[in-house]
Protein backbone atom coordinates (compact mmCIF):
# COMPACT_ATOMS: atom_id res chain seq x y z
CA UNK A 1 34.23 32.36 28.75
CA UNK A 2 33.18 34.34 25.70
CA UNK A 3 31.20 33.84 22.51
CA UNK A 4 30.85 35.42 19.09
CA UNK A 5 27.21 35.99 18.10
CA UNK A 6 25.57 37.38 14.98
CA UNK A 7 22.83 40.00 15.19
CA UNK A 8 21.65 42.40 12.52
CA UNK A 9 24.26 41.19 10.04
CA UNK A 10 27.11 42.06 12.42
CA UNK A 11 29.26 39.93 14.70
CA UNK A 12 29.82 40.71 18.38
CA UNK A 13 32.27 39.19 20.88
CA UNK A 14 30.37 38.93 24.17
CA UNK A 15 31.07 37.71 27.70
CA UNK A 16 28.78 37.21 30.71
CA UNK A 17 28.04 40.52 32.46
CA UNK A 18 29.10 42.62 29.47
CA UNK A 19 26.91 45.39 28.02
CA UNK A 20 26.78 45.55 24.23
CA UNK A 21 24.95 47.77 21.71
CA UNK A 22 23.37 45.89 18.77
CA UNK A 23 21.13 46.90 15.90
CA UNK A 24 17.64 47.94 17.01
CA UNK A 25 15.52 44.98 18.15
CA UNK A 26 11.75 45.01 18.61
CA UNK A 27 11.84 43.90 22.26
CA UNK A 28 10.55 45.91 25.21
CA UNK A 29 12.95 47.25 27.82
CA UNK A 30 13.46 44.61 30.52
CA UNK A 31 12.66 41.77 28.11
CA UNK A 32 14.96 38.91 27.25
CA UNK A 33 16.61 38.04 23.95
CA UNK A 34 18.14 34.68 22.97
CA UNK A 35 20.75 34.43 20.23
CA UNK A 36 20.95 31.04 18.55
CA UNK A 37 23.35 32.27 15.84
CA UNK A 38 26.46 31.57 17.94
CA UNK A 39 29.50 31.40 15.66
CA UNK A 40 32.16 30.56 18.25
CA UNK A 41 32.42 29.70 21.95
CA UNK A 42 35.66 29.77 23.97
CA UNK A 43 35.93 28.45 27.54
CA UNK A 44 39.33 28.12 29.27
CA UNK A 45 41.25 27.12 26.15
CA UNK A 46 38.44 24.94 24.77
CA UNK A 47 37.42 26.69 21.54
CA UNK A 48 34.41 25.50 19.54
CA UNK A 49 33.98 27.01 16.10
CA UNK A 50 30.70 26.55 14.25
CA UNK A 51 30.14 25.62 10.62
CA UNK A 52 28.45 28.09 10.36
CA UNK A 53 27.02 27.95 13.92
CA UNK A 54 27.83 25.96 17.05
CA UNK A 55 25.15 23.28 17.57
CA UNK A 56 23.16 23.74 20.79
CA UNK A 57 24.91 26.97 21.81
CA UNK A 58 22.78 29.87 23.03
CA UNK A 59 23.42 33.32 24.45
CA UNK A 60 20.69 34.95 26.54
CA UNK A 61 20.60 38.68 27.25
CA UNK A 62 18.37 41.26 28.93
CA UNK A 63 17.35 44.49 27.19
CA UNK A 64 18.70 47.42 29.22
CA UNK A 65 17.34 50.14 26.93
CA UNK A 66 17.07 51.63 23.47
CA UNK A 67 18.85 54.65 22.07
CA UNK A 68 20.11 56.46 19.03
CA UNK A 69 23.72 56.90 17.94
CA UNK A 70 25.27 60.32 17.28
CA UNK A 71 24.29 62.02 14.04
CA UNK A 72 26.25 61.17 10.90
CA UNK A 73 26.23 63.91 8.27
CA UNK A 74 26.15 63.01 4.58
CA UNK A 75 26.98 65.80 2.14
CA UNK A 76 26.60 65.33 -1.60
CA UNK A 77 28.24 67.87 -3.89
CA UNK A 78 28.87 68.32 -7.58
CA UNK A 79 31.28 71.03 -8.60
CA UNK A 80 30.05 73.74 -11.00
CA UNK A 81 26.49 72.33 -11.06
CA UNK A 82 24.85 74.14 -8.08
CA UNK A 83 24.07 70.75 -6.58
CA UNK A 84 24.39 70.35 -2.82
CA UNK A 85 22.50 67.99 -0.50
CA UNK A 86 23.00 67.75 3.25
CA UNK A 87 21.46 64.78 5.05
CA UNK A 88 21.71 63.56 8.62
CA UNK A 89 21.15 60.07 10.00
CA UNK A 90 20.92 58.67 13.54
CA UNK A 91 21.01 54.87 13.78
CA UNK A 92 18.85 53.24 16.43
CA UNK A 93 20.37 50.63 18.75
CA UNK A 94 19.40 48.28 21.58
CA UNK A 95 21.63 48.00 24.64
CA UNK A 96 21.87 44.43 25.98
CA UNK A 97 23.36 42.93 29.14
CA UNK A 98 24.67 39.40 28.54
CA UNK A 99 23.28 37.03 31.20
CA UNK A 100 24.28 33.52 30.17
CA UNK A 101 26.25 31.58 27.58
CA UNK A 102 25.03 27.99 27.19
CA UNK A 103 26.97 25.41 25.22
């Protein structure tokens, strides 16, 4: 059984017991998160697709921890203008363990 959920403007395919990194959520480590934006649920050939979401479907997960992704360098440059800018960015994320998919 798996589901497709939406979090932080992105879609994730999740299954029970799986660990997934999503956009940073304001939940303490060890807390629980429930996703009600379930776009699709598949269970042994029975596929339910939402319009836009599946009615009554929920995915619950436990927060394992928070972290930051590797640094992404952004370099802006204009030839012959003495213009150079170097920026770095590290995106925060929340690591979740999927506990239950309810249809």
